[in-house]
């Protein structure tokens, strides 16, 4: 039997949420930065769900939604930055904090 995984946007809490069979498994926080820009500062997966690929599912769905909304993202979260270096998100506009920050934030040793 397969777990049901869903990703939803919670505007009130300023985060995307990944749920497994209705249970909150993790969040990707966002912070509006004005003029169609959104800062992505932090992603966290509950330890009970680590190793199941939920971080990648959460990032994929959240970034695709932001692209559909036409928002420009500023990825300050190391996990999101690493994800973006490894995956293409069609239509997504990225405003890296600066070139050095983008390279530093993509450190594969950083946990989600």
C-alpha atoms as a PDB file:
ATOM      1  CA  UNK A   1       0.000   0.000   0.000  1.00  0.00           C
ATOM      2  CA  UNK A   2       1.349   3.442  -0.973  1.00  0.00           C
ATOM      3  CA  UNK A   3       1.267   6.468   1.302  1.00  0.00           C
ATOM      4  CA  UNK A   4      -0.774   9.398  -0.009  1.00  0.00           C
ATOM      5  CA  UNK A   5       1.532  12.411  -0.299  1.00  0.00           C
ATOM      6  CA  UNK A   6       0.077  15.874  -0.891  1.00  0.00           C
ATOM      7  CA  UNK A   7       1.628  19.335  -1.030  1.00  0.00           C
ATOM      8  CA  UNK A   8      -0.456  22.409  -0.228  1.00  0.00           C
ATOM      9  CA  UNK A   9       0.209  26.121   0.084  1.00  0.00           C
ATOM     10  CA  UNK A  10      -0.712  27.638   3.446  1.00  0.00           C
ATOM     11  CA  UNK A  11      -0.799  31.398   2.825  1.00  0.00           C
ATOM     12  CA  UNK A  12      -1.721  32.211   6.409  1.00  0.00           C
ATOM     13  CA  UNK A  13       1.402  30.471   7.752  1.00  0.00           C
ATOM     14  CA  UNK A  14       3.567  31.531   4.749  1.00  0.00           C
ATOM     15  CA  UNK A  15       4.634  28.010   3.920  1.00  0.00           C
ATOM     16  CA  UNK A  16       4.111  25.022   1.690  1.00  0.00           C
ATOM     17  CA  UNK A  17       3.253  21.838   3.563  1.00  0.00           C
ATOM     18  CA  UNK A  18       3.798  18.217   2.630  1.00  0.00           C
ATOM     19  CA  UNK A  19       1.390  15.730   4.190  1.00  0.00           C
ATOM     20  CA  UNK A  20       1.673  11.938   4.291  1.00  0.00           C
ATOM     21  CA  UNK A  21      -1.693  10.264   4.762  1.00  0.00           C
ATOM     22  CA  UNK A  22      -2.982  13.544   6.218  1.00  0.00           C
ATOM     23  CA  UNK A  23      -0.107  13.951   8.687  1.00  0.00           C
ATOM     24  CA  UNK A  24       2.193  16.988   8.373  1.00  0.00           C
ATOM     25  CA  UNK A  25       5.579  15.719   7.219  1.00  0.00           C
ATOM     26  CA  UNK A  26       7.416  18.950   6.520  1.00  0.00           C
ATOM     27  CA  UNK A  27       7.336  22.580   5.455  1.00  0.00           C
ATOM     28  CA  UNK A  28       9.015  24.946   3.028  1.00  0.00           C
ATOM     29  CA  UNK A  29       8.721  28.487   4.336  1.00  0.00           C
ATOM     30  CA  UNK A  30       8.289  31.520   2.113  1.00  0.00           C
ATOM     31  CA  UNK A  31       8.357  35.237   2.803  1.00  0.00           C
ATOM     32  CA  UNK A  32       6.863  37.778   0.378  1.00  0.00           C
ATOM     33  CA  UNK A  33       9.532  40.312  -0.622  1.00  0.00           C
ATOM     34  CA  UNK A  34       7.409  42.723  -2.667  1.00  0.00           C
ATOM     35  CA  UNK A  35       6.924  43.190  -6.403  1.00  0.00           C
ATOM     36  CA  UNK A  36       6.248  39.505  -7.142  1.00  0.00           C
ATOM     37  CA  UNK A  37       9.333  38.299  -5.282  1.00  0.00           C
ATOM     38  CA  UNK A  38       9.409  35.576  -2.636  1.00  0.00           C
ATOM     39  CA  UNK A  39      12.271  34.601  -0.313  1.00  0.00           C
ATOM     40  CA  UNK A  40      12.552  30.873   0.456  1.00  0.00           C
ATOM     41  CA  UNK A  41      14.466  30.807   3.765  1.00  0.00           C
ATOM     42  CA  UNK A  42      13.935  27.338   5.218  1.00  0.00           C
ATOM     43  CA  UNK A  43      12.818  23.781   4.483  1.00  0.00           C
ATOM     44  CA  UNK A  44      12.303  21.196   7.204  1.00  0.00           C
ATOM     45  CA  UNK A  45      11.171  17.577   7.111  1.00  0.00           C
ATOM     46  CA  UNK A  46       9.989  15.910  10.314  1.00  0.00           C
ATOM     47  CA  UNK A  47      12.530  13.309  11.469  1.00  0.00           C
ATOM     48  CA  UNK A  48       9.832  10.606  11.313  1.00  0.00           C
ATOM     49  CA  UNK A  49       9.695  11.110   7.534  1.00  0.00           C
ATOM     50  CA  UNK A  50      13.403  11.546   6.683  1.00  0.00           C
ATOM     51  CA  UNK A  51      14.794   9.467   3.835  1.00  0.00           C
ATOM     52  CA  UNK A  52      11.476   9.162   1.976  1.00  0.00           C
ATOM     53  CA  UNK A  53      12.144  11.898  -0.606  1.00  0.00           C
ATOM     54  CA  UNK A  54       9.615  14.283   0.914  1.00  0.00           C
ATOM     55  CA  UNK A  55      12.012  17.228   0.739  1.00  0.00           C
ATOM     56  CA  UNK A  56      12.379  16.831  -3.015  1.00  0.00           C
ATOM     57  CA  UNK A  57       8.629  16.339  -3.469  1.00  0.00           C
ATOM     58  CA  UNK A  58       7.937  19.431  -1.388  1.00  0.00           C
ATOM     59  CA  UNK A  59      10.509  21.538  -3.262  1.00  0.00           C
ATOM     60  CA  UNK A  60       9.308  20.315  -6.660  1.00  0.00           C
ATOM     61  CA  UNK A  61       5.644  21.096  -6.009  1.00  0.00           C
ATOM     62  CA  UNK A  62       6.295  24.424  -4.254  1.00  0.00           C
ATOM     63  CA  UNK A  63       8.670  25.684  -6.951  1.00  0.00           C
ATOM     64  CA  UNK A  64       6.298  24.605  -9.737  1.00  0.00           C
ATOM     65  CA  UNK A  65       3.471  26.496  -7.998  1.00  0.00           C
ATOM     66  CA  UNK A  66       5.616  29.617  -7.632  1.00  0.00           C
ATOM     67  CA  UNK A  67       6.540  29.400 -11.330  1.00  0.00           C
ATOM     68  CA  UNK A  68       2.840  29.129 -12.288  1.00  0.00           C
ATOM     69  CA  UNK A  69       2.132  32.207 -10.159  1.00  0.00           C
ATOM     70  CA  UNK A  70       4.859  34.122 -11.999  1.00  0.00           C
ATOM     71  CA  UNK A  71       6.781  34.839  -8.809  1.00  0.00           C
ATOM     72  CA  UNK A  72      10.525  35.452  -8.733  1.00  0.00           C
ATOM     73  CA  UNK A  73      12.159  33.401  -5.996  1.00  0.00           C
ATOM     74  CA  UNK A  74      15.167  34.225  -3.849  1.00  0.00           C
ATOM     75  CA  UNK A  75      16.508  30.873  -2.587  1.00  0.00           C
ATOM     76  CA  UNK A  76      18.305  31.442   0.715  1.00  0.00           C
ATOM     77  CA  UNK A  77      17.514  27.923   1.994  1.00  0.00           C
ATOM     78  CA  UNK A  78      20.484  25.600   1.311  1.00  0.00           C
ATOM     79  CA  UNK A  79      18.202  22.674   0.478  1.00  0.00           C
ATOM     80  CA  UNK A  80      16.204  24.681  -2.090  1.00  0.00           C
ATOM     81  CA  UNK A  81      19.396  26.082  -3.621  1.00  0.00           C
ATOM     82  CA  UNK A  82      20.837  22.575  -3.981  1.00  0.00           C
ATOM     83  CA  UNK A  83      17.569  21.321  -5.471  1.00  0.00           C
ATOM     84  CA  UNK A  84      17.648  24.141  -8.046  1.00  0.00           C
ATOM     85  CA  UNK A  85      21.219  23.300  -9.041  1.00  0.00           C
ATOM     86  CA  UNK A  86      20.156  19.701  -9.707  1.00  0.00           C
ATOM     87  CA  UNK A  87      16.672  20.200 -11.251  1.00  0.00           C
ATOM     88  CA  UNK A  88      15.130  22.421 -13.887  1.00  0.00           C
ATOM     89  CA  UNK A  89      11.823  24.068 -12.982  1.00  0.00           C
ATOM     90  CA  UNK A  90      10.159  25.289 -16.188  1.00  0.00           C
ATOM     91  CA  UNK A  91       9.162  28.944 -16.066  1.00  0.00           C
ATOM     92  CA  UNK A  92      10.751  29.625 -12.678  1.00  0.00           C
ATOM     93  CA  UNK A  93      12.591  32.942 -12.350  1.00  0.00           C
ATOM     94  CA  UNK A  94      15.415  32.796  -9.802  1.00  0.00           C
ATOM     95  CA  UNK A  95      17.134  35.807  -8.234  1.00  0.00           C
ATOM     96  CA  UNK A  96      20.172  34.324  -6.503  1.00  0.00           C
ATOM     97  CA  UNK A  97      21.157  36.376  -3.410  1.00  0.00           C
ATOM     98  CA  UNK A  98      24.594  36.674  -5.084  1.00  0.00           C
ATOM     99  CA  UNK A  99      26.745  34.251  -7.050  1.00  0.00           C
ATOM    100  CA  UNK A 100      28.913  33.273  -4.086  1.00  0.00           C
ATOM    101  CA  UNK A 101      25.872  32.721  -1.835  1.00  0.00           C
ATOM    102  CA  UNK A 102      24.282  30.496  -4.479  1.00  0.00           C
ATOM    103  CA  UNK A 103      27.388  28.316  -4.699  1.00  0.00           C
ATOM    104  CA  UNK A 104      27.831  28.210  -0.914  1.00  0.00           C
ATOM    105  CA  UNK A 105      24.179  27.458  -0.239  1.00  0.00           C
ATOM    106  CA  UNK A 106      24.259  24.431  -2.522  1.00  0.00           C
ATOM    107  CA  UNK A 107      26.496  22.513  -0.133  1.00  0.00           C
ATOM    108  CA  UNK A 108      25.345  18.879  -0.385  1.00  0.00           C
ATOM    109  CA  UNK A 109      26.194  18.348   3.288  1.00  0.00           C
ATOM    110  CA  UNK A 110      23.288  20.527   4.416  1.00  0.00           C
ATOM    111  CA  UNK A 111      20.205  18.637   5.614  1.00  0.00           C
ATOM    112  CA  UNK A 112      16.683  19.519   4.509  1.00  0.00           C
END
